[in-house]
Amino acid sequence: MGTIRQIIQRGKYATLLDPALRDYIDRVNDWYPSEIIDLPIDKQRAVYDAMCRAFHEGHPAGVEASDSTIAAGGHAIPIRRYQLAGKAPQAIVVYYHGGGFVLGGLDSHDDICAEICAGTGFALLSADYRLAPEYPHPAAFDDALAVFEWAAQTSDLPIVLCGESAGGNLAAAVAQATRHHPRRAVGQVLIYPDLGGDGGSHMEHAEAPLLTQRDVEFYRKIRSGPAQSHDDPTFSPLGDTDFSGLPPTFIITAECDPLSSDGEAYRDRIIAAGGHARWHEEPRLVHSFLRARKTVARAGEAFVRILTAIASVVTLGKDERVD
């Protein structure tokens, strides 16, 4: 087989990938090898958590974080709130972490959340939703919705829904489920989300570094029950039949990622329904590029675009909202 670097160099990704990504990809695979989905879930989680700790960049100066829980449906949902000290936020971001609905939690994306808070000046609420396979669908969606409802009830600030990978799925599903809510989100920003698609990049980049189509199918299957319909928009947002009434939406994906076409399809359906949506495919990047934002210039530029998008959807959402 050879190292990931050797495989990339002799395959199509030798020219497709930003060369600066190769060290990042090797480093990820040192912690989190490509065959990880063949391990038991508890070992996957241990390896993933160790990798996240190794990549943690700390908090920017001035960011304060506090943990608490939300009571929902007979259980408690852990949350972490971020805010800049001494600054009144103009909006609140409800953030859903990635990890294939199987991995991750408040700590796995802690530094990313802190940097979003610092970069936008907005408060941020990170949700530690229940994970599969112990809690199959709709547990993660139910928790994601409960955190949105809690934010809507306890804050008068405009709400932005945001998520990465599996979390992007949850953000989109919550946006669709709450489009008629009196405190509906003013915008949503989805970062390389899995929205339930199966064409385009799912075939073109089925063997992409860091996320393959086999990985995608594993995570979808382990989250679902035996009778799960992929037309259920709380499971696959692209399975919805109505894309009207959604808030301004920004989707950012990576060119070398099987999920990229999901973003394009989602944008097209929102626009066709009369909404405001933008999709930006980051050239020469891979799934999970957020963790390379400090070491790969192209990934850092993409992260700045995400911060700008979060601020932009707040402005657009305020203009479009009718109370």
Protein backbone atom coordinates (compact mmCIF):
# COMPACT_ATOMS: atom_id res chain seq x y z
CA MET A 1 0.00 0.00 0.00
CA GLY A 2 2.64 2.56 1.01
CA THR A 3 2.15 5.75 2.99
CA ILE A 4 -0.73 8.13 2.34
CA ARG A 5 1.77 10.50 0.74
CA GLN A 6 2.95 7.77 -1.66
CA ILE A 7 -0.63 6.82 -2.54
CA ILE A 8 -1.50 10.46 -3.25
CA GLN A 9 1.61 10.99 -5.35
CA ARG A 10 0.80 8.12 -7.69
CA GLY A 11 -2.96 8.76 -7.95
CA LYS A 12 -5.15 11.53 -9.34
CA TYR A 13 -4.84 13.50 -6.12
CA ALA A 14 -1.18 14.14 -6.97
CA THR A 15 -2.40 17.06 -9.08
CA LEU A 16 -5.77 17.76 -7.49
CA LEU A 17 -4.64 18.38 -3.91
CA ASP A 18 -2.98 21.50 -2.61
CA PRO A 19 0.59 20.24 -2.01
CA ALA A 20 0.57 21.91 1.41
CA LEU A 21 -2.14 19.45 2.49
CA ARG A 22 0.07 16.40 2.27
CA ASP A 23 1.74 16.88 5.64
CA TYR A 24 -1.69 17.51 7.19
CA ILE A 25 -3.14 14.34 5.64
CA ASP A 26 -0.18 12.28 6.82
CA ARG A 27 -0.52 13.71 10.32
CA VAL A 28 -4.25 12.92 10.45
CA ASN A 29 -3.63 9.37 9.28
CA ASP A 30 -0.90 8.90 11.86
CA TRP A 31 -3.63 9.41 14.46
CA TYR A 32 -6.71 8.27 12.59
CA PRO A 33 -5.90 5.64 9.92
CA SER A 34 -8.10 5.10 6.89
CA GLU A 35 -9.27 1.68 8.13
CA ILE A 36 -10.64 3.18 11.37
CA ILE A 37 -14.26 2.26 10.58
CA ASP A 38 -13.32 -1.42 10.88
CA LEU A 39 -12.53 -0.97 14.59
CA PRO A 40 -15.08 -1.26 17.41
CA ILE A 41 -16.91 1.99 18.14
CA ASP A 42 -15.26 2.51 21.53
CA LYS A 43 -11.81 2.29 19.93
CA GLN A 44 -12.87 4.65 17.12
CA ARG A 45 -13.93 7.19 19.72
CA ALA A 46 -10.73 6.85 21.72
CA VAL A 47 -8.59 7.36 18.61
CA TYR A 48 -10.71 10.28 17.38
CA ASP A 49 -10.64 12.01 20.76
CA ALA A 50 -6.85 11.63 20.94
CA MET A 51 -6.50 13.11 17.45
CA CYS A 52 -8.72 16.06 18.36
CA ARG A 53 -6.60 16.76 21.43
CA ALA A 54 -3.45 16.64 19.31
CA PHE A 55 -4.88 19.18 16.84
CA HIS A 56 -6.39 21.48 19.48
CA GLU A 57 -5.20 25.07 18.93
CA GLY A 58 -6.35 26.59 22.21
CA HIS A 59 -8.68 29.56 22.68
CA PRO A 60 -8.11 33.06 21.33
CA ALA A 61 -7.58 35.72 23.98
CA GLY A 62 -10.80 37.05 25.48
CA VAL A 63 -13.01 34.05 24.75
CA GLU A 64 -14.87 32.75 27.79
CA ALA A 65 -16.47 29.30 27.81
CA SER A 66 -18.90 27.77 30.29
CA ASP A 67 -20.61 24.37 30.40
CA SER A 68 -24.16 23.53 31.38
CA THR A 69 -26.98 21.19 30.39
CA ILE A 70 -30.42 21.44 28.82
CA ALA A 71 -33.26 19.21 30.03
CA ALA A 72 -34.97 17.56 27.07
CA GLY A 73 -37.22 14.51 26.82
CA GLY A 74 -36.10 12.96 30.07
CA HIS A 75 -32.38 13.37 29.52
CA ALA A 76 -29.80 16.16 29.74
CA ILE A 77 -28.00 17.61 26.72
CA PRO A 78 -24.56 19.04 27.55
CA ILE A 79 -23.86 22.43 26.00
CA ARG A 80 -20.93 24.84 26.00
CA ARG A 81 -21.42 28.59 25.57
CA TYR A 82 -18.67 30.83 24.23
CA GLN A 83 -18.63 34.61 24.47
CA LEU A 84 -16.09 37.40 24.17
CA ALA A 85 -15.38 38.97 27.54
CA GLY A 86 -16.71 42.50 27.87
CA LYS A 87 -18.53 42.47 24.54
CA ALA A 88 -22.29 42.27 23.98
CA PRO A 89 -22.87 39.82 21.11
CA GLN A 90 -25.13 40.77 18.21
CA ALA A 91 -26.13 37.18 17.40
CA ILE A 92 -25.78 33.63 18.67
CA VAL A 93 -24.44 30.72 16.63
CA VAL A 94 -25.86 27.29 17.44
CA TYR A 95 -23.09 24.89 16.43
CA TYR A 96 -23.34 21.14 15.79
CA HIS A 97 -20.04 19.25 15.69
CA GLY A 98 -18.96 16.68 13.12
CA GLY A 99 -17.99 13.05 13.64
CA GLY A 100 -20.35 10.94 11.53
CA PHE A 101 -23.06 10.96 14.25
CA VAL A 102 -20.81 8.45 16.05
CA LEU A 103 -17.83 10.49 17.26
CA GLY A 104 -17.08 13.82 18.89
CA GLY A 105 -18.52 16.06 21.56
CA LEU A 106 -17.94 19.41 23.23
CA ASP A 107 -14.16 18.96 23.31
CA SER A 108 -13.62 17.68 19.76
CA HIS A 109 -14.42 21.03 18.14
CA ASP A 110 -13.78 23.28 21.12
CA ASP A 111 -11.02 25.36 19.53
CA ILE A 112 -12.97 25.80 16.30
CA CYS A 113 -16.00 27.05 18.25
CA ALA A 114 -13.83 29.45 20.25
CA GLU A 115 -12.31 30.86 17.06
CA ILE A 116 -15.73 31.33 15.46
CA CYS A 117 -16.78 33.26 18.56
CA ALA A 118 -13.64 35.40 18.44
CA GLY A 119 -13.77 35.91 14.67
CA THR A 120 -17.42 37.01 14.53
CA GLY A 121 -17.91 38.55 17.97
CA PHE A 122 -21.07 36.44 18.28
CA ALA A 123 -21.95 34.17 21.16
CA LEU A 124 -21.78 30.48 20.28
CA LEU A 125 -23.65 27.52 21.72
CA SER A 126 -22.09 24.11 21.06
CA ALA A 127 -24.41 21.10 21.35
CA ASP A 128 -23.32 17.67 22.58
CA TYR A 129 -26.08 15.64 20.95
CA ARG A 130 -26.53 11.90 21.52
CA LEU A 131 -24.48 9.59 19.31
CA ALA A 132 -25.18 6.41 17.35
CA PRO A 133 -25.21 3.46 17.52
CA GLU A 134 -26.39 3.68 21.15
CA TYR A 135 -28.92 6.32 20.10
CA PRO A 136 -30.02 5.88 16.48
CA HIS A 137 -31.96 8.44 14.47
CA PRO A 138 -33.85 10.57 15.39
CA ALA A 139 -31.96 11.03 18.68
CA ALA A 140 -29.29 13.39 17.31
CA PHE A 141 -31.90 15.42 15.43
CA ASP A 142 -34.18 15.60 18.47
CA ASP A 143 -31.31 16.93 20.58
CA ALA A 144 -30.26 19.39 17.88
CA LEU A 145 -33.82 20.69 17.69
CA ALA A 146 -34.06 20.93 21.49
CA VAL A 147 -30.91 23.05 21.64
CA PHE A 148 -32.32 25.40 19.00
CA GLU A 149 -35.59 25.66 20.94
CA TRP A 150 -33.68 26.41 24.14
CA ALA A 151 -31.67 29.14 22.42
CA ALA A 152 -34.87 30.64 20.99
CA GLN A 153 -36.54 30.65 24.41
CA THR A 154 -33.63 32.00 26.43
CA SER A 155 -32.12 34.61 24.12
CA ASP A 156 -33.47 37.47 22.06
CA LEU A 157 -30.41 37.41 19.80
CA PRO A 158 -30.70 36.42 16.13
CA ILE A 159 -29.83 32.73 15.74
CA VAL A 160 -27.46 31.31 13.13
CA LEU A 161 -27.41 27.54 12.64
CA CYS A 162 -23.98 26.17 11.83
CA GLY A 163 -22.46 22.71 11.61
CA GLU A 164 -19.63 20.72 10.13
CA SER A 165 -20.05 17.37 8.33
CA ALA A 166 -22.65 15.43 10.37
CA GLY A 167 -23.33 18.68 12.20
CA GLY A 168 -24.09 20.35 8.88
CA ASN A 169 -26.77 17.73 8.34
CA LEU A 170 -28.28 18.58 11.73
CA ALA A 171 -28.15 22.33 11.12
CA ALA A 172 -29.96 21.93 7.79
CA ALA A 173 -32.54 19.54 9.25
CA VAL A 174 -33.26 21.95 12.11
CA ALA A 175 -33.54 24.89 9.69
CA GLN A 176 -36.07 22.96 7.63
CA ALA A 177 -38.05 21.81 10.66
CA THR A 178 -38.25 25.32 12.15
CA ARG A 179 -38.78 27.45 9.05
CA HIS A 180 -42.17 28.61 10.41
CA HIS A 181 -40.97 29.02 14.00
CA PRO A 182 -41.56 32.54 15.38
CA ARG A 183 -37.84 32.68 16.20
CA ARG A 184 -36.62 30.85 13.12
CA ALA A 185 -32.90 31.09 12.38
CA VAL A 186 -31.80 34.17 10.47
CA GLY A 187 -29.31 32.07 8.53
CA GLN A 188 -27.48 28.78 8.25
CA VAL A 189 -23.83 28.06 7.42
CA LEU A 190 -23.07 24.45 6.50
CA ILE A 191 -19.46 23.24 6.36
CA TYR A 192 -18.89 20.21 4.08
CA PRO A 193 -22.26 18.74 5.19
CA ASP A 194 -23.64 15.27 4.55
CA LEU A 195 -27.12 16.07 3.28
CA GLY A 196 -28.03 12.64 1.94
CA GLY A 197 -26.91 12.91 -1.68
CA ASP A 198 -25.46 10.09 -3.76
CA GLY A 199 -24.33 11.48 -7.12
CA GLY A 200 -21.56 13.60 -8.57
CA SER A 201 -18.72 13.82 -6.07
CA HIS A 202 -19.92 10.69 -4.28
CA MET A 203 -18.65 8.82 -7.35
CA GLU A 204 -15.92 11.19 -8.56
CA HIS A 205 -14.25 11.36 -5.15
CA ALA A 206 -15.28 8.01 -3.70
CA GLU A 207 -11.64 7.33 -2.74
CA ALA A 208 -10.70 10.81 -1.55
CA PRO A 209 -8.18 11.20 1.28
CA LEU A 210 -9.63 11.43 4.82
CA LEU A 211 -13.22 10.58 3.79
CA THR A 212 -14.23 7.90 1.30
CA GLN A 213 -17.67 6.93 0.07
CA ARG A 214 -17.30 3.74 2.10
CA ASP A 215 -16.91 5.91 5.19
CA VAL A 216 -20.00 7.94 4.27
CA GLU A 217 -22.10 4.80 3.83
CA PHE A 218 -20.82 3.35 7.12
CA TYR A 219 -21.84 6.43 9.10
CA ARG A 220 -25.23 6.70 7.41
CA LYS A 221 -25.99 3.04 8.05
CA ILE A 222 -24.90 3.00 11.67
CA ARG A 223 -27.06 6.04 12.42
CA SER A 224 -30.23 4.61 10.88
CA GLY A 225 -32.67 1.95 11.94
CA PRO A 226 -33.57 -0.93 9.61
CA ALA A 227 -36.69 0.83 8.33
CA GLN A 228 -35.16 4.30 7.99
CA SER A 229 -36.40 6.22 4.94
CA HIS A 230 -33.77 8.31 3.20
CA ASP A 231 -36.60 10.60 2.08
CA ASP A 232 -37.04 11.69 5.70
CA PRO A 233 -35.73 15.28 5.76
CA THR A 234 -34.74 14.97 9.42
CA PHE A 235 -32.34 12.23 8.29
CA SER A 236 -31.45 13.42 4.77
CA PRO A 237 -32.22 17.12 4.25
CA LEU A 238 -32.05 16.67 0.47
CA GLY A 239 -34.95 14.23 0.81
CA ASP A 240 -37.34 17.09 1.57
CA THR A 241 -39.98 18.01 -1.01
CA ASP A 242 -40.22 21.66 0.02
CA PHE A 243 -37.25 24.02 0.21
CA SER A 244 -39.23 27.22 0.52
CA GLY A 245 -39.09 29.49 3.54
CA LEU A 246 -35.52 28.64 4.51
CA PRO A 247 -33.22 31.34 5.87
CA PRO A 248 -30.25 32.67 3.88
CA THR A 249 -27.87 29.76 3.45
CA PHE A 250 -24.14 29.46 2.80
CA ILE A 251 -22.63 26.05 2.07
CA ILE A 252 -18.88 25.55 1.89
CA THR A 253 -17.44 22.24 0.68
CA ALA A 254 -14.09 20.78 -0.38
CA GLU A 255 -13.35 19.80 -3.97
CA CYS A 256 -11.75 16.46 -3.00
CA ASP A 257 -14.61 15.22 -0.84
CA PRO A 258 -17.42 12.79 -1.73
CA LEU A 259 -19.90 15.11 0.01
CA SER A 260 -19.23 18.19 -2.12
CA SER A 261 -22.13 17.66 -4.53
CA ASP A 262 -24.56 17.69 -1.61
CA GLY A 263 -23.80 21.38 -1.12
CA GLU A 264 -24.39 22.18 -4.77
CA ALA A 265 -27.69 20.28 -4.84
CA TYR A 266 -28.90 21.96 -1.65
CA ARG A 267 -28.11 25.41 -3.02
CA ASP A 268 -29.93 24.68 -6.26
CA ARG A 269 -33.09 23.51 -4.50
CA ILE A 270 -33.24 26.51 -2.19
CA ILE A 271 -32.79 28.92 -5.11
CA ALA A 272 -35.40 27.04 -7.16
CA ALA A 273 -37.82 27.52 -4.25
CA GLY A 274 -37.18 31.27 -4.25
CA GLY A 275 -34.67 31.40 -1.40
CA HIS A 276 -31.22 32.88 -0.98
CA ALA A 277 -28.36 30.36 -1.03
CA ARG A 278 -24.72 30.28 -2.01
CA TRP A 279 -22.44 27.27 -2.44
CA HIS A 280 -18.67 27.62 -2.52
CA GLU A 281 -16.46 24.64 -3.31
CA GLU A 282 -12.98 25.16 -1.95
CA PRO A 283 -10.56 24.02 -4.66
CA ARG A 284 -7.91 21.42 -3.85
CA LEU A 285 -9.05 20.86 -0.27
CA VAL A 286 -10.33 17.73 1.50
CA HIS A 287 -12.97 16.89 4.08
CA SER A 288 -12.01 18.08 7.58
CA PHE A 289 -9.89 20.97 6.30
CA LEU A 290 -10.95 23.06 9.31
CA ARG A 291 -8.27 21.29 11.31
CA ALA A 292 -5.67 22.51 8.80
CA ARG A 293 -6.68 26.16 9.11
CA LYS A 294 -3.48 27.08 11.00
CA THR A 295 -1.04 25.13 8.84
CA VAL A 296 -2.40 25.27 5.28
CA ALA A 297 -2.94 28.74 3.82
CA ARG A 298 -5.82 27.67 1.59
CA ALA A 299 -7.65 26.13 4.55
CA GLY A 300 -7.05 29.27 6.60
CA GLU A 301 -8.56 31.38 3.82
CA ALA A 302 -11.57 29.06 3.73
CA PHE A 303 -12.05 29.50 7.48
CA VAL A 304 -12.06 33.28 7.03
CA ARG A 305 -14.78 32.83 4.38
CA ILE A 306 -16.81 30.84 6.89
CA LEU A 307 -16.53 33.64 9.46
CA THR A 308 -17.57 36.18 6.82
CA ALA A 309 -20.50 33.99 5.80
CA ILE A 310 -21.76 33.74 9.38
CA ALA A 311 -21.76 37.53 9.67
CA SER A 312 -23.33 37.91 6.22
CA VAL A 313 -26.29 35.59 6.83
CA VAL A 314 -27.13 37.56 9.97
CA THR A 315 -27.41 40.74 7.90
CA LEU A 316 -29.35 39.02 5.12
CA GLY A 317 -31.63 37.23 7.56
CA LYS A 318 -32.52 40.44 9.39
CA ASP A 319 -33.40 42.06 6.07
CA GLU A 320 -35.58 39.12 4.96
CA ARG A 321 -37.30 38.32 8.23
CA VAL A 322 -40.96 39.20 8.59
CA ASP A 323 -42.26 39.13 12.17
